[in-house]
Amino acid sequence: MATIEEIGKDIGINVTWQAAGGGSDANLTAVLGVPTLDGFGPIGGGFHSDEEYLELDSIAPRIEMLKRVLTTLAK
């Protein structure tokens, strides 16, 4: 978590943490008690409704953060 916070800070993304429910594939590992990171996607809201939206400017920074996290973990 500290690594992800640091990477986020380096590229201007304020990383915050919260336990949350939902319906992603992360549930498959989380239910086993494996620490699971989810939510690397772009910013949006109104999910699965007529009001759903995506902030286009959030796509590139989130891809960069994920790339850096994966690169760091692979070392």
PDB file of N, CA and C in Angstrom:
ATOM      1  N   MET A   1       0.823  -1.186   0.000  1.00  0.00           N
ATOM      2  CA  MET A   1       0.000   0.000   0.000  1.00  0.00           C
ATOM      3  C   MET A   1       0.868   1.252   0.000  1.00  0.00           C
ATOM      4  N   ALA A   2       1.954   1.213   0.748  1.00  0.00           N
ATOM      5  CA  ALA A   2       2.845   2.375   0.786  1.00  0.00           C
ATOM      6  C   ALA A   2       3.463   2.637  -0.583  1.00  0.00           C
ATOM      7  N   THR A   3       3.801   1.569  -1.294  1.00  0.00           N
ATOM      8  CA  THR A   3       4.371   1.721  -2.637  1.00  0.00           C
ATOM      9  C   THR A   3       3.377   2.393  -3.565  1.00  0.00           C
ATOM     10  N   ILE A   4       2.142   1.979  -3.493  1.00  0.00           N
ATOM     11  CA  ILE A   4       1.120   2.557  -4.358  1.00  0.00           C
ATOM     12  C   ILE A   4       0.863   4.015  -3.990  1.00  0.00           C
ATOM     13  N   GLU A   5       0.830   4.308  -2.703  1.00  0.00           N
ATOM     14  CA  GLU A   5       0.665   5.700  -2.273  1.00  0.00           C
ATOM     15  C   GLU A   5       1.799   6.565  -2.810  1.00  0.00           C
ATOM     16  N   GLU A   6       3.025   6.052  -2.731  1.00  0.00           N
ATOM     17  CA  GLU A   6       4.194   6.800  -3.197  1.00  0.00           C
ATOM     18  C   GLU A   6       4.136   7.027  -4.703  1.00  0.00           C
ATOM     19  N   ILE A   7       3.788   6.003  -5.449  1.00  0.00           N
ATOM     20  CA  ILE A   7       3.680   6.140  -6.903  1.00  0.00           C
ATOM     21  C   ILE A   7       2.590   7.145  -7.247  1.00  0.00           C
ATOM     22  N   GLY A   8       1.462   7.051  -6.576  1.00  0.00           N
ATOM     23  CA  GLY A   8       0.392   8.008  -6.811  1.00  0.00           C
ATOM     24  C   GLY A   8       0.839   9.438  -6.550  1.00  0.00           C
ATOM     25  N   LYS A   9       1.538   9.626  -5.451  1.00  0.00           N
ATOM     26  CA  LYS A   9       2.032  10.962  -5.107  1.00  0.00           C
ATOM     27  C   LYS A   9       2.977  11.486  -6.186  1.00  0.00           C
ATOM     28  N   ASP A  10       3.855  10.602  -6.688  1.00  0.00           N
ATOM     29  CA  ASP A  10       4.813  11.001  -7.722  1.00  0.00           C
ATOM     30  C   ASP A  10       4.135  11.504  -8.989  1.00  0.00           C
ATOM     31  N   ILE A  11       2.961  10.958  -9.298  1.00  0.00           N
ATOM     32  CA  ILE A  11       2.296  11.373 -10.539  1.00  0.00           C
ATOM     33  C   ILE A  11       1.051  12.224 -10.291  1.00  0.00           C
ATOM     34  N   GLY A  12       0.854  12.650  -9.043  1.00  0.00           N
ATOM     35  CA  GLY A  12      -0.216  13.584  -8.730  1.00  0.00           C
ATOM     36  C   GLY A  12      -1.586  12.963  -8.491  1.00  0.00           C
ATOM     37  N   ILE A  13      -1.607  11.692  -8.097  1.00  0.00           N
ATOM     38  CA  ILE A  13      -2.871  11.040  -7.755  1.00  0.00           C
ATOM     39  C   ILE A  13      -2.893  10.808  -6.254  1.00  0.00           C
ATOM     40  N   ASN A  14      -3.897  11.355  -5.592  1.00  0.00           N
ATOM     41  CA  ASN A  14      -4.052  11.173  -4.161  1.00  0.00           C
ATOM     42  C   ASN A  14      -4.720   9.822  -3.911  1.00  0.00           C
ATOM     43  N   VAL A  15      -3.951   8.861  -3.443  1.00  0.00           N
ATOM     44  CA  VAL A  15      -4.463   7.514  -3.203  1.00  0.00           C
ATOM     45  C   VAL A  15      -5.056   7.450  -1.801  1.00  0.00           C
ATOM     46  N   THR A  16      -6.304   7.025  -1.712  1.00  0.00           N
ATOM     47  CA  THR A  16      -6.957   6.807  -0.434  1.00  0.00           C
ATOM     48  C   THR A  16      -7.438   5.364  -0.388  1.00  0.00           C
ATOM     49  N   TRP A  17      -7.671   4.864   0.812  1.00  0.00           N
ATOM     50  CA  TRP A  17      -8.033   3.465   0.991  1.00  0.00           C
ATOM     51  C   TRP A  17      -9.386   3.346   1.667  1.00  0.00           C
ATOM     52  N   GLN A  18     -10.135   2.354   1.231  1.00  0.00           N
ATOM     53  CA  GLN A  18     -11.392   2.053   1.906  1.00  0.00           C
ATOM     54  C   GLN A  18     -11.772   0.610   1.613  1.00  0.00           C
ATOM     55  N   ALA A  19     -12.360  -0.017   2.595  1.00  0.00           N
ATOM     56  CA  ALA A  19     -12.921  -1.352   2.373  1.00  0.00           C
ATOM     57  C   ALA A  19     -14.265  -1.141   1.690  1.00  0.00           C
ATOM     58  N   ALA A  20     -14.489  -1.852   0.610  1.00  0.00           N
ATOM     59  CA  ALA A  20     -15.728  -1.632  -0.139  1.00  0.00           C
ATOM     60  C   ALA A  20     -16.231  -2.939  -0.722  1.00  0.00           C
ATOM     61  N   GLY A  21     -17.507  -3.029  -0.849  1.00  0.00           N
ATOM     62  CA  GLY A  21     -18.107  -4.164  -1.538  1.00  0.00           C
ATOM     63  C   GLY A  21     -18.217  -3.838  -3.011  1.00  0.00           C
ATOM     64  N   GLY A  22     -18.684  -4.766  -3.749  1.00  0.00           N
ATOM     65  CA  GLY A  22     -18.854  -4.505  -5.171  1.00  0.00           C
ATOM     66  C   GLY A  22     -18.898  -5.803  -5.946  1.00  0.00           C
ATOM     67  N   GLY A  23     -18.797  -5.690  -7.228  1.00  0.00           N
ATOM     68  CA  GLY A  23     -18.934  -6.864  -8.072  1.00  0.00           C
ATOM     69  C   GLY A  23     -17.801  -7.029  -9.060  1.00  0.00           C
ATOM     70  N   SER A  24     -16.564  -6.872  -8.631  1.00  0.00           N
ATOM     71  CA  SER A  24     -15.435  -7.055  -9.542  1.00  0.00           C
ATOM     72  C   SER A  24     -14.810  -8.424  -9.329  1.00  0.00           C
ATOM     73  N   ASP A  25     -13.892  -8.783 -10.206  1.00  0.00           N
ATOM     74  CA  ASP A  25     -13.163 -10.041 -10.053  1.00  0.00           C
ATOM     75  C   ASP A  25     -12.300 -10.045  -8.794  1.00  0.00           C
ATOM     76  N   ALA A  26     -12.042  -8.876  -8.223  1.00  0.00           N
ATOM     77  CA  ALA A  26     -11.269  -8.799  -6.987  1.00  0.00           C
ATOM     78  C   ALA A  26     -11.956  -9.550  -5.854  1.00  0.00           C
ATOM     79  N   ASN A  27     -13.256  -9.739  -5.956  1.00  0.00           N
ATOM     80  CA  ASN A  27     -13.978 -10.486  -4.920  1.00  0.00           C
ATOM     81  C   ASN A  27     -13.466 -11.913  -4.804  1.00  0.00           C
ATOM     82  N   LEU A  28     -12.966 -12.472  -5.887  1.00  0.00           N
ATOM     83  CA  LEU A  28     -12.497 -13.860  -5.877  1.00  0.00           C
ATOM     84  C   LEU A  28     -11.271 -14.041  -4.988  1.00  0.00           C
ATOM     85  N   THR A  29     -10.418 -13.032  -4.918  1.00  0.00           N
ATOM     86  CA  THR A  29      -9.244 -13.124  -4.042  1.00  0.00           C
ATOM     87  C   THR A  29      -9.541 -12.562  -2.657  1.00  0.00           C
ATOM     88  N   ALA A  30     -10.300 -11.498  -2.605  1.00  0.00           N
ATOM     89  CA  ALA A  30     -10.605 -10.868  -1.315  1.00  0.00           C
ATOM     90  C   ALA A  30     -11.344 -11.821  -0.390  1.00  0.00           C
ATOM     91  N   VAL A  31     -12.256 -12.611  -0.930  1.00  0.00           N
ATOM     92  CA  VAL A  31     -13.026 -13.540  -0.108  1.00  0.00           C
ATOM     93  C   VAL A  31     -12.122 -14.612   0.521  1.00  0.00           C
ATOM     94  N   LEU A  32     -10.959 -14.842  -0.085  1.00  0.00           N
ATOM     95  CA  LEU A  32      -9.996 -15.803   0.463  1.00  0.00           C
ATOM     96  C   LEU A  32      -9.067 -15.169   1.483  1.00  0.00           C
ATOM     97  N   GLY A  33      -9.248 -13.874   1.740  1.00  0.00           N
ATOM     98  CA  GLY A  33      -8.405 -13.176   2.704  1.00  0.00           C
ATOM     99  C   GLY A  33      -7.116 -12.651   2.105  1.00  0.00           C
ATOM    100  N   VAL A  34      -6.996 -12.698   0.795  1.00  0.00           N
ATOM    101  CA  VAL A  34      -5.801 -12.203   0.116  1.00  0.00           C
ATOM    102  C   VAL A  34      -5.951 -10.690  -0.062  1.00  0.00           C
ATOM    103  N   PRO A  35      -4.984  -9.900   0.428  1.00  0.00           N
ATOM    104  CA  PRO A  35      -5.072  -8.456   0.195  1.00  0.00           C
ATOM    105  C   PRO A  35      -5.206  -8.182  -1.301  1.00  0.00           C
ATOM    106  N   THR A  36      -6.183  -7.394  -1.659  1.00  0.00           N
ATOM    107  CA  THR A  36      -6.534  -7.216  -3.065  1.00  0.00           C
ATOM    108  C   THR A  36      -6.666  -5.743  -3.389  1.00  0.00           C
ATOM    109  N   LEU A  37      -5.986  -5.330  -4.440  1.00  0.00           N
ATOM    110  CA  LEU A  37      -6.070  -3.944  -4.899  1.00  0.00           C
ATOM    111  C   LEU A  37      -7.034  -3.872  -6.061  1.00  0.00           C
ATOM    112  N   ASP A  38      -7.938  -2.931  -5.988  1.00  0.00           N
ATOM    113  CA  ASP A  38      -8.919  -2.730  -7.045  1.00  0.00           C
ATOM    114  C   ASP A  38      -9.118  -1.232  -7.193  1.00  0.00           C
ATOM    115  N   GLY A  39      -9.646  -0.802  -8.277  1.00  0.00           N
ATOM    116  CA  GLY A  39      -9.935   0.621  -8.444  1.00  0.00           C
ATOM    117  C   GLY A  39      -8.836   1.390  -9.137  1.00  0.00           C
ATOM    118  N   PHE A  40      -8.052   0.731  -9.980  1.00  0.00           N
ATOM    119  CA  PHE A  40      -7.016   1.432 -10.731  1.00  0.00           C
ATOM    120  C   PHE A  40      -7.578   2.101 -11.983  1.00  0.00           C
ATOM    121  N   GLY A  41      -8.847   1.908 -12.239  1.00  0.00           N
ATOM    122  CA  GLY A  41      -9.458   2.447 -13.445  1.00  0.00           C
ATOM    123  C   GLY A  41      -9.685   3.934 -13.378  1.00  0.00           C
ATOM    124  N   PRO A  42     -10.198   4.487 -14.467  1.00  0.00           N
ATOM    125  CA  PRO A  42     -10.447   5.923 -14.521  1.00  0.00           C
ATOM    126  C   PRO A  42     -11.562   6.354 -13.575  1.00  0.00           C
ATOM    127  N   ILE A  43     -11.656   7.650 -13.365  1.00  0.00           N
ATOM    128  CA  ILE A  43     -12.658   8.230 -12.484  1.00  0.00           C
ATOM    129  C   ILE A  43     -13.984   8.325 -13.232  1.00  0.00           C
ATOM    130  N   GLY A  44     -15.047   8.011 -12.527  1.00  0.00           N
ATOM    131  CA  GLY A  44     -16.373   8.108 -13.117  1.00  0.00           C
ATOM    132  C   GLY A  44     -17.413   8.000 -12.034  1.00  0.00           C
ATOM    133  N   GLY A  45     -18.646   7.841 -12.435  1.00  0.00           N
ATOM    134  CA  GLY A  45     -19.718   7.712 -11.465  1.00  0.00           C
ATOM    135  C   GLY A  45     -21.025   7.355 -12.144  1.00  0.00           C
ATOM    136  N   GLY A  46     -22.065   7.220 -11.345  1.00  0.00           N
ATOM    137  CA  GLY A  46     -23.383   6.886 -11.851  1.00  0.00           C
ATOM    138  C   GLY A  46     -23.450   5.522 -12.507  1.00  0.00           C
ATOM    139  N   PHE A  47     -22.655   4.597 -11.993  1.00  0.00           N
ATOM    140  CA  PHE A  47     -22.467   3.308 -12.651  1.00  0.00           C
ATOM    141  C   PHE A  47     -23.774   2.586 -12.951  1.00  0.00           C
ATOM    142  N   HIS A  48     -23.841   2.058 -14.152  1.00  0.00           N
ATOM    143  CA  HIS A  48     -24.973   1.250 -14.612  1.00  0.00           C
ATOM    144  C   HIS A  48     -26.293   2.012 -14.580  1.00  0.00           C
ATOM    145  N   SER A  49     -26.238   3.302 -14.901  1.00  0.00           N
ATOM    146  CA  SER A  49     -27.457   4.120 -14.932  1.00  0.00           C
ATOM    147  C   SER A  49     -27.391   5.048 -16.139  1.00  0.00           C
ATOM    148  N   ASP A  50     -28.468   5.772 -16.358  1.00  0.00           N
ATOM    149  CA  ASP A  50     -28.504   6.770 -17.424  1.00  0.00           C
ATOM    150  C   ASP A  50     -27.555   7.925 -17.144  1.00  0.00           C
ATOM    151  N   GLU A  51     -27.118   8.056 -15.903  1.00  0.00           N
ATOM    152  CA  GLU A  51     -26.229   9.148 -15.497  1.00  0.00           C
ATOM    153  C   GLU A  51     -24.754   8.732 -15.471  1.00  0.00           C
ATOM    154  N   GLU A  52     -24.427   7.540 -15.947  1.00  0.00           N
ATOM    155  CA  GLU A  52     -23.034   7.063 -15.897  1.00  0.00           C
ATOM    156  C   GLU A  52     -22.134   7.982 -16.717  1.00  0.00           C
ATOM    157  N   TYR A  53     -20.937   8.244 -16.181  1.00  0.00           N
ATOM    158  CA  TYR A  53     -19.987   9.102 -16.885  1.00  0.00           C
ATOM    159  C   TYR A  53     -18.556   8.653 -16.595  1.00  0.00           C
ATOM    160  N   LEU A  54     -17.642   9.121 -17.422  1.00  0.00           N
ATOM    161  CA  LEU A  54     -16.224   8.831 -17.300  1.00  0.00           C
ATOM    162  C   LEU A  54     -15.469  10.128 -17.524  1.00  0.00           C
ATOM    163  N   GLU A  55     -14.524  10.425 -16.635  1.00  0.00           N
ATOM    164  CA  GLU A  55     -13.689  11.618 -16.794  1.00  0.00           C
ATOM    165  C   GLU A  55     -12.497  11.248 -17.681  1.00  0.00           C
ATOM    166  N   LEU A  56     -12.545  11.684 -18.930  1.00  0.00           N
ATOM    167  CA  LEU A  56     -11.538  11.296 -19.918  1.00  0.00           C
ATOM    168  C   LEU A  56     -10.118  11.656 -19.483  1.00  0.00           C
ATOM    169  N   ASP A  57      -9.961  12.785 -18.807  1.00  0.00           N
ATOM    170  CA  ASP A  57      -8.621  13.211 -18.362  1.00  0.00           C
ATOM    171  C   ASP A  57      -8.034  12.292 -17.303  1.00  0.00           C
ATOM    172  N   SER A  58      -8.840  11.404 -16.744  1.00  0.00           N
ATOM    173  CA  SER A  58      -8.334  10.506 -15.699  1.00  0.00           C
ATOM    174  C   SER A  58      -7.767   9.202 -16.269  1.00  0.00           C
ATOM    175  N   ILE A  59      -7.948   8.953 -17.554  1.00  0.00           N
ATOM    176  CA  ILE A  59      -7.521   7.676 -18.133  1.00  0.00           C
ATOM    177  C   ILE A  59      -5.993   7.542 -18.153  1.00  0.00           C
ATOM    178  N   ALA A  60      -5.296   8.477 -18.777  1.00  0.00           N
ATOM    179  CA  ALA A  60      -3.835   8.375 -18.929  1.00  0.00           C
ATOM    180  C   ALA A  60      -3.105   8.309 -17.587  1.00  0.00           C
ATOM    181  N   PRO A  61      -3.438   9.161 -16.600  1.00  0.00           N
ATOM    182  CA  PRO A  61      -2.729   9.060 -15.315  1.00  0.00           C
ATOM    183  C   PRO A  61      -2.956   7.713 -14.622  1.00  0.00           C
ATOM    184  N   ARG A  62      -4.140   7.153 -14.745  1.00  0.00           N
ATOM    185  CA  ARG A  62      -4.420   5.855 -14.109  1.00  0.00           C
ATOM    186  C   ARG A  62      -3.653   4.734 -14.800  1.00  0.00           C
ATOM    187  N   ILE A  63      -3.523   4.802 -16.119  1.00  0.00           N
ATOM    188  CA  ILE A  63      -2.721   3.811 -16.838  1.00  0.00           C
ATOM    189  C   ILE A  63      -1.267   3.921 -16.405  1.00  0.00           C
ATOM    190  N   GLU A  64      -0.775   5.140 -16.278  1.00  0.00           N
ATOM    191  CA  GLU A  64       0.612   5.358 -15.836  1.00  0.00           C
ATOM    192  C   GLU A  64       0.832   4.798 -14.436  1.00  0.00           C
ATOM    193  N   MET A  65      -0.124   5.025 -13.534  1.00  0.00           N
ATOM    194  CA  MET A  65       0.014   4.509 -12.179  1.00  0.00           C
ATOM    195  C   MET A  65       0.052   2.982 -12.192  1.00  0.00           C
ATOM    196  N   LEU A  66      -0.851   2.358 -12.916  1.00  0.00           N
ATOM    197  CA  LEU A  66      -0.869   0.899 -12.984  1.00  0.00           C
ATOM    198  C   LEU A  66       0.424   0.359 -13.579  1.00  0.00           C
ATOM    199  N   LYS A  67       0.924   1.007 -14.626  1.00  0.00           N
ATOM    200  CA  LYS A  67       2.182   0.593 -15.250  1.00  0.00           C
ATOM    201  C   LYS A  67       3.331   0.645 -14.247  1.00  0.00           C
ATOM    202  N   ARG A  68       3.409   1.730 -13.482  1.00  0.00           N
ATOM    203  CA  ARG A  68       4.479   1.867 -12.491  1.00  0.00           C
ATOM    204  C   ARG A  68       4.344   0.866 -11.341  1.00  0.00           C
ATOM    205  N   VAL A  69       3.135   0.617 -10.926  1.00  0.00           N
ATOM    206  CA  VAL A  69       2.923  -0.371  -9.855  1.00  0.00           C
ATOM    207  C   VAL A  69       3.354  -1.756 -10.330  1.00  0.00           C
ATOM    208  N   LEU A  70       2.928  -2.155 -11.504  1.00  0.00           N
ATOM    209  CA  LEU A  70       3.301  -3.473 -12.022  1.00  0.00           C
ATOM    210  C   LEU A  70       4.812  -3.592 -12.234  1.00  0.00           C
ATOM    211  N   THR A  71       5.425  -2.539 -12.750  1.00  0.00           N
ATOM    212  CA  THR A  71       6.872  -2.544 -12.950  1.00  0.00           C
ATOM    213  C   THR A  71       7.594  -2.681 -11.611  1.00  0.00           C
ATOM    214  N   THR A  72       7.141  -1.951 -10.600  1.00  0.00           N
ATOM    215  CA  THR A  72       7.760  -2.012  -9.282  1.00  0.00           C
ATOM    216  C   THR A  72       7.600  -3.397  -8.663  1.00  0.00           C
ATOM    217  N   LEU A  73       6.422  -3.971  -8.754  1.00  0.00           N
ATOM    218  CA  LEU A  73       6.179  -5.290  -8.184  1.00  0.00           C
ATOM    219  C   LEU A  73       6.952  -6.387  -8.904  1.00  0.00           C
ATOM    220  N   ALA A  74       7.233  -6.188 -10.182  1.00  0.00           N
ATOM    221  CA  ALA A  74       7.945  -7.193 -10.977  1.00  0.00           C
ATOM    222  C   ALA A  74       9.439  -7.220 -10.679  1.00  0.00           C
ATOM    223  N   LYS A  75       9.951  -6.170 -10.032  1.00  0.00           N
ATOM    224  CA  LYS A  75      11.397  -6.107  -9.753  1.00  0.00           C
ATOM    225  C   LYS A  75      11.785  -7.030  -8.638  1.00  0.00           C
TER     226      LYS A  75
END
